N, C-alpha and C. Protein backbone atom coordinates (compact mmCIF):
# COMPACT_ATOMS: atom_id res chain seq x y z
N MET A 1 199.26 -165.42 212.38
CA MET A 1 199.83 -166.51 213.18
C MET A 1 201.31 -166.27 213.45
N ARG A 2 202.04 -165.85 212.40
CA ARG A 2 203.47 -165.59 212.59
C ARG A 2 203.70 -164.41 213.51
N ALA A 3 202.83 -163.37 213.38
CA ALA A 3 202.98 -162.21 214.26
C ALA A 3 202.75 -162.60 215.71
N GLN A 4 201.76 -163.47 215.95
CA GLN A 4 201.51 -163.92 217.32
C GLN A 4 202.67 -164.73 217.86
N LEU A 5 203.25 -165.61 217.04
CA LEU A 5 204.41 -166.38 217.48
C LEU A 5 205.59 -165.47 217.76
N ALA A 6 205.73 -164.40 216.96
CA ALA A 6 206.84 -163.47 217.19
C ALA A 6 206.68 -162.75 218.52
N ARG A 7 205.43 -162.39 218.86
CA ARG A 7 205.19 -161.72 220.14
C ARG A 7 205.47 -162.67 221.28
N ILE A 8 205.04 -163.94 221.13
CA ILE A 8 205.28 -164.92 222.19
C ILE A 8 206.78 -165.15 222.36
N ASP A 9 207.48 -165.28 221.26
CA ASP A 9 208.93 -165.51 221.36
C ASP A 9 209.62 -164.33 222.02
N ALA A 10 209.20 -163.11 221.69
CA ALA A 10 209.81 -161.93 222.31
C ALA A 10 209.56 -161.91 223.81
N VAL A 11 208.35 -162.26 224.20
CA VAL A 11 208.03 -162.28 225.63
C VAL A 11 208.84 -163.34 226.35
N LEU A 12 208.97 -164.52 225.74
CA LEU A 12 209.74 -165.59 226.37
C LEU A 12 211.21 -165.21 226.51
N VAL A 13 211.77 -164.60 225.47
CA VAL A 13 213.17 -164.19 225.54
C VAL A 13 213.36 -163.14 226.62
N GLN A 14 212.44 -162.18 226.69
CA GLN A 14 212.54 -161.14 227.71
C GLN A 14 212.42 -161.75 229.11
N ALA A 15 211.50 -162.71 229.27
CA ALA A 15 211.32 -163.35 230.58
C ALA A 15 212.55 -164.14 230.97
N LEU A 16 213.17 -164.82 230.00
CA LEU A 16 214.38 -165.58 230.30
C LEU A 16 215.53 -164.66 230.71
N ILE A 17 215.64 -163.54 230.03
CA ILE A 17 216.72 -162.60 230.38
C ILE A 17 216.51 -162.04 231.78
N ALA A 18 215.26 -161.61 232.08
CA ALA A 18 214.97 -161.05 233.40
C ALA A 18 215.18 -162.09 234.49
N ALA A 19 214.76 -163.33 234.23
CA ALA A 19 214.93 -164.38 235.23
C ALA A 19 216.40 -164.68 235.48
N ALA A 20 217.18 -164.71 234.40
CA ALA A 20 218.61 -165.01 234.56
C ALA A 20 219.33 -163.91 235.34
N LEU A 21 219.02 -162.65 235.02
CA LEU A 21 219.67 -161.54 235.74
C LEU A 21 219.25 -161.52 237.20
N SER A 22 217.93 -161.70 237.46
CA SER A 22 217.46 -161.72 238.83
C SER A 22 218.04 -162.89 239.60
N PHE A 23 218.15 -164.03 238.93
CA PHE A 23 218.72 -165.22 239.54
C PHE A 23 220.17 -164.95 239.98
N ALA A 24 220.92 -164.31 239.08
CA ALA A 24 222.32 -164.01 239.40
C ALA A 24 222.44 -163.00 240.52
N HIS A 25 221.59 -161.99 240.53
CA HIS A 25 221.66 -160.97 241.58
C HIS A 25 221.32 -161.55 242.95
N LEU A 26 220.30 -162.42 242.97
CA LEU A 26 219.96 -163.06 244.25
C LEU A 26 221.11 -163.94 244.73
N HIS A 27 221.76 -164.63 243.82
CA HIS A 27 222.91 -165.45 244.20
C HIS A 27 224.03 -164.60 244.78
N ASP A 28 224.28 -163.46 244.15
CA ASP A 28 225.37 -162.60 244.62
C ASP A 28 225.08 -162.05 246.01
N VAL A 29 223.81 -161.64 246.24
CA VAL A 29 223.46 -161.09 247.55
C VAL A 29 223.56 -162.18 248.62
N ALA A 30 223.04 -163.38 248.32
CA ALA A 30 223.12 -164.47 249.29
C ALA A 30 224.57 -164.84 249.59
N SER A 31 225.39 -164.86 248.56
CA SER A 31 226.81 -165.19 248.76
C SER A 31 227.49 -164.12 249.61
N ALA A 32 227.18 -162.82 249.34
CA ALA A 32 227.80 -161.74 250.11
C ALA A 32 227.33 -161.77 251.56
N ALA A 33 226.11 -162.31 251.82
CA ALA A 33 225.57 -162.36 253.18
C ALA A 33 226.05 -163.58 253.94
N GLY A 34 226.99 -164.34 253.38
CA GLY A 34 227.58 -165.46 254.10
C GLY A 34 227.04 -166.81 253.71
N GLN A 35 226.17 -166.87 252.69
CA GLN A 35 225.61 -168.15 252.24
C GLN A 35 226.42 -168.61 251.03
N ASP A 36 227.47 -169.39 251.28
CA ASP A 36 228.35 -169.78 250.18
C ASP A 36 227.98 -171.16 249.64
N GLY A 37 228.62 -171.51 248.53
CA GLY A 37 228.42 -172.83 247.94
C GLY A 37 227.01 -172.99 247.38
N TRP A 38 226.45 -174.20 247.54
CA TRP A 38 225.13 -174.51 247.00
C TRP A 38 224.03 -173.69 247.64
N LYS A 39 224.27 -173.23 248.88
CA LYS A 39 223.23 -172.46 249.56
C LYS A 39 222.96 -171.14 248.85
N ALA A 40 224.01 -170.52 248.30
CA ALA A 40 223.80 -169.27 247.58
C ALA A 40 222.94 -169.48 246.33
N TRP A 41 223.03 -170.65 245.68
CA TRP A 41 222.22 -170.93 244.50
C TRP A 41 220.78 -171.32 244.88
N ALA A 42 220.60 -171.80 246.10
CA ALA A 42 219.24 -172.20 246.52
C ALA A 42 218.34 -170.99 246.75
N TYR A 43 218.94 -169.84 247.11
CA TYR A 43 218.11 -168.66 247.39
C TYR A 43 217.33 -168.17 246.17
N PRO A 44 217.95 -167.96 245.03
CA PRO A 44 217.16 -167.52 243.88
C PRO A 44 216.11 -168.54 243.44
N ILE A 45 216.43 -169.84 243.60
CA ILE A 45 215.42 -170.85 243.27
C ILE A 45 214.21 -170.71 244.20
N SER A 46 214.49 -170.46 245.49
CA SER A 46 213.40 -170.30 246.46
C SER A 46 212.53 -169.10 246.13
N VAL A 47 213.16 -168.00 245.76
CA VAL A 47 212.39 -166.79 245.42
C VAL A 47 211.55 -167.03 244.16
N ASP A 48 212.12 -167.64 243.15
CA ASP A 48 211.38 -167.89 241.91
C ASP A 48 210.22 -168.86 242.13
N LEU A 49 210.42 -169.88 242.93
CA LEU A 49 209.35 -170.83 243.20
C LEU A 49 208.20 -170.15 243.94
N LEU A 50 208.53 -169.26 244.86
CA LEU A 50 207.48 -168.54 245.58
C LEU A 50 206.70 -167.61 244.63
N LEU A 51 207.42 -166.99 243.69
CA LEU A 51 206.75 -166.15 242.69
C LEU A 51 205.78 -166.99 241.84
N VAL A 52 206.25 -168.16 241.43
CA VAL A 52 205.40 -169.02 240.59
C VAL A 52 204.17 -169.48 241.37
N ALA A 53 204.35 -169.88 242.64
CA ALA A 53 203.22 -170.33 243.45
C ALA A 53 202.21 -169.21 243.65
N ALA A 54 202.71 -168.00 243.91
CA ALA A 54 201.80 -166.87 244.10
C ALA A 54 201.06 -166.53 242.81
N TRP A 55 201.76 -166.61 241.67
CA TRP A 55 201.12 -166.33 240.39
C TRP A 55 200.04 -167.35 240.05
N ARG A 56 200.31 -168.61 240.35
CA ARG A 56 199.30 -169.64 240.11
C ARG A 56 198.07 -169.42 240.98
N ARG A 57 198.27 -169.00 242.22
CA ARG A 57 197.12 -168.73 243.08
C ARG A 57 196.29 -167.57 242.53
N LEU A 58 196.98 -166.55 241.99
CA LEU A 58 196.25 -165.42 241.40
C LEU A 58 195.47 -165.86 240.16
N ARG A 59 196.00 -166.81 239.39
CA ARG A 59 195.32 -167.26 238.17
C ARG A 59 194.11 -168.13 238.48
N THR A 60 194.14 -168.85 239.58
CA THR A 60 193.02 -169.72 239.92
C THR A 60 191.81 -168.95 240.41
N GLY A 61 192.03 -167.77 240.96
CA GLY A 61 190.91 -166.95 241.42
C GLY A 61 190.52 -167.20 242.86
N ASP A 62 191.19 -168.14 243.57
CA ASP A 62 190.86 -168.43 244.96
C ASP A 62 191.85 -167.74 245.88
N ALA A 63 191.36 -167.07 246.93
CA ALA A 63 192.20 -166.42 247.93
C ALA A 63 193.22 -165.49 247.27
N LYS A 64 192.72 -164.53 246.50
CA LYS A 64 193.62 -163.63 245.79
C LYS A 64 194.41 -162.74 246.74
N ALA A 65 193.86 -162.44 247.91
CA ALA A 65 194.58 -161.59 248.87
C ALA A 65 195.89 -162.26 249.29
N ALA A 66 195.82 -163.56 249.60
CA ALA A 66 197.03 -164.29 249.98
C ALA A 66 198.00 -164.38 248.79
N GLY A 67 197.46 -164.59 247.59
CA GLY A 67 198.33 -164.65 246.42
C GLY A 67 199.07 -163.35 246.18
N TRP A 68 198.36 -162.22 246.28
CA TRP A 68 199.02 -160.93 246.08
C TRP A 68 200.03 -160.64 247.19
N CYS A 69 199.72 -161.03 248.41
CA CYS A 69 200.65 -160.79 249.53
C CYS A 69 201.99 -161.48 249.30
N TRP A 70 201.94 -162.77 248.98
CA TRP A 70 203.20 -163.51 248.80
C TRP A 70 203.87 -163.16 247.48
N PHE A 71 203.08 -162.75 246.48
CA PHE A 71 203.69 -162.30 245.23
C PHE A 71 204.50 -161.03 245.46
N VAL A 72 203.96 -160.10 246.25
CA VAL A 72 204.67 -158.85 246.54
C VAL A 72 205.93 -159.13 247.37
N ILE A 73 205.83 -160.07 248.32
CA ILE A 73 207.01 -160.41 249.14
C ILE A 73 208.13 -160.97 248.27
N ALA A 74 207.79 -161.93 247.40
CA ALA A 74 208.82 -162.53 246.54
C ALA A 74 209.35 -161.50 245.53
N LEU A 75 208.47 -160.65 245.00
CA LEU A 75 208.91 -159.64 244.04
C LEU A 75 209.82 -158.61 244.72
N THR A 76 209.51 -158.28 245.97
CA THR A 76 210.38 -157.34 246.71
C THR A 76 211.76 -157.93 246.92
N ALA A 77 211.82 -159.23 247.25
CA ALA A 77 213.12 -159.88 247.42
C ALA A 77 213.92 -159.86 246.13
N SER A 78 213.24 -160.13 244.99
CA SER A 78 213.94 -160.14 243.72
C SER A 78 214.40 -158.74 243.32
N LEU A 79 213.50 -157.75 243.45
CA LEU A 79 213.87 -156.37 243.10
C LEU A 79 214.93 -155.82 244.05
N GLY A 80 214.80 -156.21 245.33
CA GLY A 80 215.80 -155.75 246.29
C GLY A 80 217.20 -156.23 245.94
N ALA A 81 217.30 -157.48 245.49
CA ALA A 81 218.60 -158.00 245.09
C ALA A 81 219.12 -157.29 243.86
N ASN A 82 218.23 -156.98 242.91
CA ASN A 82 218.65 -156.27 241.70
C ASN A 82 219.18 -154.88 242.03
N VAL A 83 218.48 -154.18 242.92
CA VAL A 83 218.91 -152.83 243.29
C VAL A 83 220.20 -152.87 244.11
N ALA A 84 220.28 -153.86 245.02
CA ALA A 84 221.45 -153.93 245.89
C ALA A 84 222.73 -154.18 245.11
N THR A 85 222.62 -154.98 244.04
CA THR A 85 223.82 -155.29 243.25
C THR A 85 224.11 -154.26 242.17
N ALA A 86 223.31 -153.18 242.14
CA ALA A 86 223.53 -152.14 241.13
C ALA A 86 224.50 -151.06 241.61
N GLY A 87 225.25 -151.34 242.66
CA GLY A 87 226.22 -150.39 243.18
C GLY A 87 225.75 -149.65 244.40
N LEU A 88 224.51 -149.89 244.87
CA LEU A 88 224.01 -149.22 246.07
C LEU A 88 224.40 -149.94 247.35
N LEU A 89 224.97 -151.11 247.22
CA LEU A 89 225.35 -151.89 248.39
C LEU A 89 226.76 -152.41 248.21
N ASP A 90 227.55 -152.22 249.24
CA ASP A 90 228.91 -152.73 249.22
C ASP A 90 228.87 -154.21 249.59
N LEU A 91 229.04 -155.07 248.58
CA LEU A 91 228.96 -156.50 248.83
C LEU A 91 230.12 -157.02 249.66
N GLU A 92 231.16 -156.18 249.86
CA GLU A 92 232.28 -156.60 250.70
C GLU A 92 231.98 -156.37 252.18
N GLN A 93 231.06 -155.42 252.44
CA GLN A 93 230.69 -155.12 253.82
C GLN A 93 229.15 -155.09 253.92
N VAL A 94 228.54 -156.25 253.97
CA VAL A 94 227.08 -156.37 254.02
C VAL A 94 226.60 -156.01 255.42
N PRO A 95 225.59 -155.13 255.55
CA PRO A 95 225.09 -154.76 256.88
C PRO A 95 224.44 -155.94 257.59
N ALA A 96 224.36 -155.82 258.91
CA ALA A 96 223.82 -156.93 259.71
C ALA A 96 222.35 -157.20 259.39
N TRP A 97 221.55 -156.14 259.14
CA TRP A 97 220.12 -156.36 258.88
C TRP A 97 219.89 -157.19 257.61
N LEU A 98 220.80 -157.01 256.60
CA LEU A 98 220.66 -157.80 255.38
C LEU A 98 221.02 -159.25 255.63
N ARG A 99 222.03 -159.48 256.47
CA ARG A 99 222.38 -160.86 256.81
C ARG A 99 221.21 -161.55 257.53
N ILE A 100 220.53 -160.76 258.38
CA ILE A 100 219.38 -161.32 259.09
C ILE A 100 218.26 -161.67 258.11
N LEU A 101 217.99 -160.78 257.16
CA LEU A 101 216.95 -161.05 256.17
C LEU A 101 217.27 -162.27 255.32
N VAL A 102 218.53 -162.38 254.89
CA VAL A 102 218.92 -163.52 254.06
C VAL A 102 218.83 -164.81 254.86
N ALA A 103 219.25 -164.77 256.12
CA ALA A 103 219.21 -165.99 256.94
C ALA A 103 217.77 -166.42 257.24
N GLY A 104 216.86 -165.45 257.36
CA GLY A 104 215.47 -165.79 257.68
C GLY A 104 214.60 -166.07 256.47
N TRP A 105 215.15 -165.82 255.26
CA TRP A 105 214.33 -166.02 254.06
C TRP A 105 213.84 -167.45 253.86
N PRO A 106 214.66 -168.51 254.10
CA PRO A 106 214.15 -169.87 253.86
C PRO A 106 212.88 -170.17 254.63
N ALA A 107 212.82 -169.74 255.89
CA ALA A 107 211.60 -170.00 256.68
C ALA A 107 210.40 -169.25 256.10
N VAL A 108 210.63 -168.00 255.68
CA VAL A 108 209.54 -167.22 255.09
C VAL A 108 209.06 -167.86 253.79
N ALA A 109 210.00 -168.28 252.94
CA ALA A 109 209.64 -168.90 251.67
C ALA A 109 208.91 -170.22 251.88
N PHE A 110 209.36 -170.99 252.87
CA PHE A 110 208.70 -172.27 253.16
C PHE A 110 207.26 -172.03 253.63
N LEU A 111 207.06 -171.05 254.50
CA LEU A 111 205.72 -170.75 254.98
C LEU A 111 204.81 -170.30 253.83
N GLY A 112 205.31 -169.38 253.01
CA GLY A 112 204.50 -168.90 251.90
C GLY A 112 204.17 -169.98 250.89
N GLY A 113 205.18 -170.80 250.53
CA GLY A 113 204.93 -171.86 249.57
C GLY A 113 203.95 -172.89 250.09
N THR A 114 204.04 -173.21 251.39
CA THR A 114 203.11 -174.18 251.96
C THR A 114 201.69 -173.65 251.96
N LEU A 115 201.53 -172.39 252.37
CA LEU A 115 200.18 -171.82 252.39
C LEU A 115 199.58 -171.70 250.99
N LEU A 116 200.41 -171.40 250.01
CA LEU A 116 199.89 -171.22 248.66
C LEU A 116 199.61 -172.54 247.96
N ALA A 117 200.46 -173.52 248.17
CA ALA A 117 200.35 -174.77 247.42
C ALA A 117 199.45 -175.80 248.08
N HIS A 118 199.31 -175.73 249.41
CA HIS A 118 198.61 -176.80 250.11
C HIS A 118 197.39 -176.32 250.87
N SER A 119 196.94 -175.11 250.64
CA SER A 119 195.71 -174.67 251.29
C SER A 119 194.54 -175.35 250.62
N ALA A 120 193.66 -175.94 251.43
CA ALA A 120 192.54 -176.71 250.88
C ALA A 120 191.48 -175.78 250.35
N PRO A 121 190.92 -176.09 249.17
CA PRO A 121 189.81 -175.27 248.67
C PRO A 121 188.56 -175.46 249.51
N GLY A 122 187.62 -174.56 249.35
CA GLY A 122 186.38 -174.64 250.10
C GLY A 122 185.65 -175.93 249.78
N PRO A 123 185.04 -176.57 250.78
CA PRO A 123 184.36 -177.84 250.53
C PRO A 123 183.17 -177.66 249.62
N ALA A 124 183.03 -178.63 248.69
CA ALA A 124 181.89 -178.59 247.77
C ALA A 124 180.63 -178.95 248.53
N PRO A 125 179.53 -178.33 248.21
CA PRO A 125 178.30 -178.63 248.92
C PRO A 125 177.88 -180.08 248.70
N HIS A 126 177.51 -180.77 249.79
CA HIS A 126 177.10 -182.17 249.71
C HIS A 126 175.73 -182.26 249.06
N LYS A 127 175.51 -183.35 248.33
CA LYS A 127 174.24 -183.49 247.61
C LYS A 127 173.08 -183.52 248.57
N ASP A 128 173.27 -184.21 249.73
CA ASP A 128 172.18 -184.25 250.70
C ASP A 128 171.85 -182.86 251.20
N THR A 129 172.92 -182.04 251.39
CA THR A 129 172.69 -180.67 251.85
C THR A 129 171.92 -179.88 250.81
N GLU A 130 172.26 -180.09 249.50
CA GLU A 130 171.54 -179.38 248.45
C GLU A 130 170.08 -179.82 248.42
N ASP A 131 169.85 -181.14 248.58
CA ASP A 131 168.47 -181.61 248.56
C ASP A 131 167.67 -181.03 249.71
N GLU A 132 168.32 -180.97 250.92
CA GLU A 132 167.63 -180.40 252.06
C GLU A 132 167.34 -178.93 251.83
N GLN A 133 168.31 -178.21 251.23
CA GLN A 133 168.09 -176.80 250.96
C GLN A 133 166.97 -176.60 249.96
N ASP A 134 166.90 -177.48 248.92
CA ASP A 134 165.82 -177.38 247.95
C ASP A 134 164.47 -177.63 248.61
N GLN A 135 164.45 -178.60 249.55
CA GLN A 135 163.20 -178.86 250.24
C GLN A 135 162.79 -177.70 251.12
N GLU A 136 163.79 -177.03 251.73
CA GLU A 136 163.47 -175.88 252.56
C GLU A 136 162.97 -174.72 251.72
N ASP A 137 163.57 -174.57 250.50
CA ASP A 137 163.18 -173.47 249.64
C ASP A 137 161.83 -173.69 248.98
N ALA A 138 161.39 -174.97 248.89
CA ALA A 138 160.10 -175.25 248.25
C ALA A 138 158.99 -174.66 249.09
N PRO A 139 157.92 -174.19 248.46
CA PRO A 139 156.80 -173.60 249.23
C PRO A 139 156.16 -174.62 250.14
N ASP A 140 155.83 -174.17 251.32
CA ASP A 140 155.19 -175.04 252.29
C ASP A 140 153.79 -175.38 251.83
N PRO A 141 153.34 -176.64 252.03
CA PRO A 141 151.97 -176.99 251.64
C PRO A 141 150.96 -176.24 252.49
N ALA A 142 149.78 -176.12 251.95
CA ALA A 142 148.72 -175.42 252.67
C ALA A 142 148.41 -176.15 253.97
N PRO A 143 148.23 -175.41 255.06
CA PRO A 143 147.96 -176.08 256.35
C PRO A 143 146.63 -176.81 256.32
N GLU A 144 146.62 -177.96 256.98
CA GLU A 144 145.40 -178.74 257.03
C GLU A 144 144.38 -178.05 257.93
N LEU A 145 143.14 -178.01 257.45
CA LEU A 145 142.08 -177.39 258.24
C LEU A 145 141.68 -178.33 259.37
N PRO A 146 141.38 -177.77 260.54
CA PRO A 146 140.96 -178.65 261.64
C PRO A 146 139.66 -179.35 261.31
N ALA A 147 139.52 -180.57 261.80
CA ALA A 147 138.33 -181.37 261.53
C ALA A 147 137.10 -180.71 262.15
N GLN A 148 136.06 -180.63 261.35
CA GLN A 148 134.82 -180.04 261.83
C GLN A 148 134.11 -181.04 262.76
N PRO A 149 133.59 -180.55 263.85
CA PRO A 149 132.88 -181.48 264.75
C PRO A 149 131.62 -182.02 264.09
N ALA A 150 131.31 -183.25 264.41
CA ALA A 150 130.11 -183.88 263.85
C ALA A 150 128.87 -183.18 264.36
N PRO A 151 127.88 -182.99 263.49
CA PRO A 151 126.65 -182.32 263.95
C PRO A 151 125.96 -183.13 265.04
N GLU A 152 125.45 -182.42 266.00
CA GLU A 152 124.75 -183.09 267.09
C GLU A 152 123.42 -183.64 266.60
N PRO A 153 123.07 -184.84 267.03
CA PRO A 153 121.78 -185.42 266.59
C PRO A 153 120.60 -184.59 267.08
N THR A 154 119.60 -184.52 266.22
CA THR A 154 118.39 -183.77 266.58
C THR A 154 117.65 -184.53 267.67
N PRO A 155 117.41 -183.85 268.76
CA PRO A 155 116.72 -184.56 269.85
C PRO A 155 115.31 -185.00 269.42
N ALA A 156 114.93 -186.16 269.89
CA ALA A 156 113.60 -186.69 269.57
C ALA A 156 112.54 -185.85 270.26
N PRO A 157 111.44 -185.69 269.60
CA PRO A 157 110.37 -184.91 270.23
C PRO A 157 109.90 -185.58 271.53
N PRO A 158 109.52 -184.78 272.46
CA PRO A 158 109.08 -185.37 273.74
C PRO A 158 107.84 -186.25 273.54
N ALA A 159 107.79 -187.28 274.30
CA ALA A 159 106.64 -188.20 274.21
C ALA A 159 105.35 -187.48 274.62
N VAL A 160 104.31 -187.77 273.88
CA VAL A 160 102.98 -187.15 274.15
C VAL A 160 102.15 -188.13 274.98
N ALA A 161 101.70 -187.64 276.06
CA ALA A 161 100.85 -188.49 276.91
C ALA A 161 99.46 -188.62 276.28
N VAL A 162 99.01 -189.84 276.13
CA VAL A 162 97.70 -190.11 275.49
C VAL A 162 96.78 -190.74 276.54
N PRO A 163 95.67 -190.14 276.76
CA PRO A 163 94.72 -190.77 277.71
C PRO A 163 94.26 -192.13 277.23
N ALA A 164 94.02 -193.02 278.15
CA ALA A 164 93.61 -194.39 277.80
C ALA A 164 92.26 -194.39 277.10
N ALA A 165 91.37 -193.50 277.51
CA ALA A 165 90.04 -193.46 276.89
C ALA A 165 90.13 -193.06 275.43
N LEU A 166 91.09 -192.13 275.14
CA LEU A 166 91.25 -191.69 273.77
C LEU A 166 91.84 -192.82 272.92
N VAL A 167 92.67 -193.63 273.51
CA VAL A 167 93.23 -194.77 272.79
C VAL A 167 92.13 -195.77 272.47
N GLU A 168 91.23 -196.04 273.43
CA GLU A 168 90.14 -196.98 273.19
C GLU A 168 89.22 -196.46 272.10
N HIS A 169 88.98 -195.14 272.11
CA HIS A 169 88.13 -194.57 271.08
C HIS A 169 88.81 -194.67 269.71
N ALA A 170 90.11 -194.48 269.67
CA ALA A 170 90.83 -194.56 268.41
C ALA A 170 90.80 -195.99 267.86
N ARG A 171 90.82 -196.98 268.75
CA ARG A 171 90.76 -198.37 268.30
C ARG A 171 89.41 -198.67 267.64
N LYS A 172 88.37 -198.10 268.22
CA LYS A 172 87.05 -198.32 267.63
C LYS A 172 86.96 -197.65 266.25
N VAL A 173 87.55 -196.46 266.13
CA VAL A 173 87.53 -195.77 264.85
C VAL A 173 88.34 -196.55 263.82
N ALA A 174 89.49 -197.10 264.26
CA ALA A 174 90.33 -197.86 263.34
C ALA A 174 89.65 -199.14 262.90
N ALA A 175 88.91 -199.80 263.86
CA ALA A 175 88.21 -201.04 263.52
C ALA A 175 87.09 -200.75 262.55
N GLU A 176 86.37 -199.68 262.77
CA GLU A 176 85.27 -199.32 261.87
C GLU A 176 85.79 -199.00 260.47
N HIS A 177 86.97 -198.30 260.42
CA HIS A 177 87.58 -197.97 259.13
C HIS A 177 88.03 -199.23 258.40
N HIS A 178 88.57 -200.20 259.14
CA HIS A 178 89.02 -201.43 258.52
C HIS A 178 87.84 -202.24 258.00
N THR A 179 86.74 -202.24 258.76
CA THR A 179 85.56 -202.99 258.34
C THR A 179 84.96 -202.37 257.08
N ARG A 180 84.99 -201.07 257.02
CA ARG A 180 84.37 -200.38 255.90
C ARG A 180 85.24 -200.39 254.65
N THR A 181 86.56 -200.25 254.82
CA THR A 181 87.45 -200.12 253.65
C THR A 181 88.30 -201.36 253.39
N GLY A 182 88.45 -202.18 254.42
CA GLY A 182 89.29 -203.37 254.25
C GLY A 182 90.78 -203.08 254.40
N THR A 183 91.14 -201.86 254.77
CA THR A 183 92.55 -201.49 254.97
C THR A 183 92.71 -200.84 256.33
N ALA A 184 93.95 -200.89 256.84
CA ALA A 184 94.22 -200.26 258.12
C ALA A 184 94.17 -198.75 257.97
N ILE A 185 93.74 -198.11 259.00
CA ILE A 185 93.65 -196.65 258.97
C ILE A 185 95.04 -196.04 259.06
N ASP A 186 95.27 -194.99 258.29
CA ASP A 186 96.56 -194.31 258.35
C ASP A 186 96.49 -193.15 259.33
N THR A 187 97.69 -192.57 259.65
CA THR A 187 97.76 -191.52 260.67
C THR A 187 97.00 -190.26 260.26
N PRO A 188 97.14 -189.75 259.00
CA PRO A 188 96.37 -188.56 258.65
C PRO A 188 94.87 -188.75 258.78
N THR A 189 94.37 -189.95 258.37
CA THR A 189 92.93 -190.21 258.47
C THR A 189 92.51 -190.29 259.93
N LEU A 190 93.36 -190.95 260.74
CA LEU A 190 93.06 -191.05 262.16
C LEU A 190 93.02 -189.67 262.80
N ARG A 191 93.93 -188.83 262.39
CA ARG A 191 93.97 -187.48 262.95
C ARG A 191 92.70 -186.71 262.57
N ALA A 192 92.30 -186.89 261.29
CA ALA A 192 91.10 -186.18 260.84
C ALA A 192 89.84 -186.68 261.56
N ARG A 193 89.76 -187.98 261.80
CA ARG A 193 88.58 -188.55 262.45
C ARG A 193 88.52 -188.16 263.91
N LEU A 194 89.69 -188.07 264.56
CA LEU A 194 89.71 -187.76 265.98
C LEU A 194 89.76 -186.26 266.23
N GLY A 195 90.27 -185.49 265.26
CA GLY A 195 90.37 -184.05 265.45
C GLY A 195 91.44 -183.68 266.47
N VAL A 196 92.58 -184.35 266.41
CA VAL A 196 93.69 -184.08 267.36
C VAL A 196 94.89 -183.56 266.58
N PRO A 197 95.88 -182.92 267.25
CA PRO A 197 97.11 -182.47 266.56
C PRO A 197 97.91 -183.66 266.02
N ALA A 198 98.83 -183.32 265.12
CA ALA A 198 99.64 -184.38 264.48
C ALA A 198 100.46 -185.17 265.49
N PRO A 199 101.16 -184.52 266.47
CA PRO A 199 101.92 -185.33 267.45
C PRO A 199 101.03 -186.27 268.22
N MET A 200 99.82 -185.78 268.58
CA MET A 200 98.92 -186.65 269.32
C MET A 200 98.46 -187.81 268.45
N ALA A 201 98.21 -187.55 267.15
CA ALA A 201 97.75 -188.62 266.27
C ALA A 201 98.85 -189.67 266.10
N GLU A 202 100.08 -189.21 265.98
CA GLU A 202 101.18 -190.18 265.85
C GLU A 202 101.33 -191.02 267.12
N ALA A 203 101.18 -190.38 268.26
CA ALA A 203 101.27 -191.13 269.52
C ALA A 203 100.15 -192.16 269.64
N ILE A 204 98.95 -191.78 269.19
CA ILE A 204 97.82 -192.72 269.26
C ILE A 204 98.05 -193.86 268.28
N ALA A 205 98.57 -193.55 267.08
CA ALA A 205 98.83 -194.60 266.10
C ALA A 205 99.86 -195.59 266.59
N ALA A 206 100.79 -195.14 267.42
CA ALA A 206 101.80 -196.04 267.97
C ALA A 206 101.20 -197.03 268.93
N HIS A 207 100.07 -196.67 269.54
CA HIS A 207 99.41 -197.59 270.50
C HIS A 207 98.47 -198.55 269.80
N LEU A 208 98.16 -198.35 268.54
CA LEU A 208 97.23 -199.23 267.86
C LEU A 208 97.88 -200.49 267.36
């Protein structure tokens, strides 16, 4: 535990030293480029805030390309100030291109900070959309089979023409059968007595 705290303390001290030196170098460059008074102190604050915003975007995991882009821009501004104040730049005679960069930095920092801090995250899927997607992903029910047509009724057998004489003879046979047995004659018996086909016997029985 103590070793971990010692490492954390060392990192914090190192970060504070680097931030203080970078802060001072940015102030010196801004002041040499014609930004005097409070404006010279605002430049290092702007660079550090942009670095923090870019780092937070990288930690969240969303739009890392934009986070790395603005992190590199802010880091370049900080490193550029450190190198420029190391004796490679005459702060008494600042070139025109550096004055242009310093004058345009506030707009660049404002654009980067706005894009990093206020870009809206992707919309969460709506519950109705999820339900619809689940319904679409569910297997389709088996298609309904077409209704089978109703069977056509069996046509009735054609009517059999029965001669009138045969009907009269059948009545006599039926009367004789009733007198002898006491019951009405049935179709099979009538057919057997008359010696006619079954359709003819049924037709004759219908006339009795």
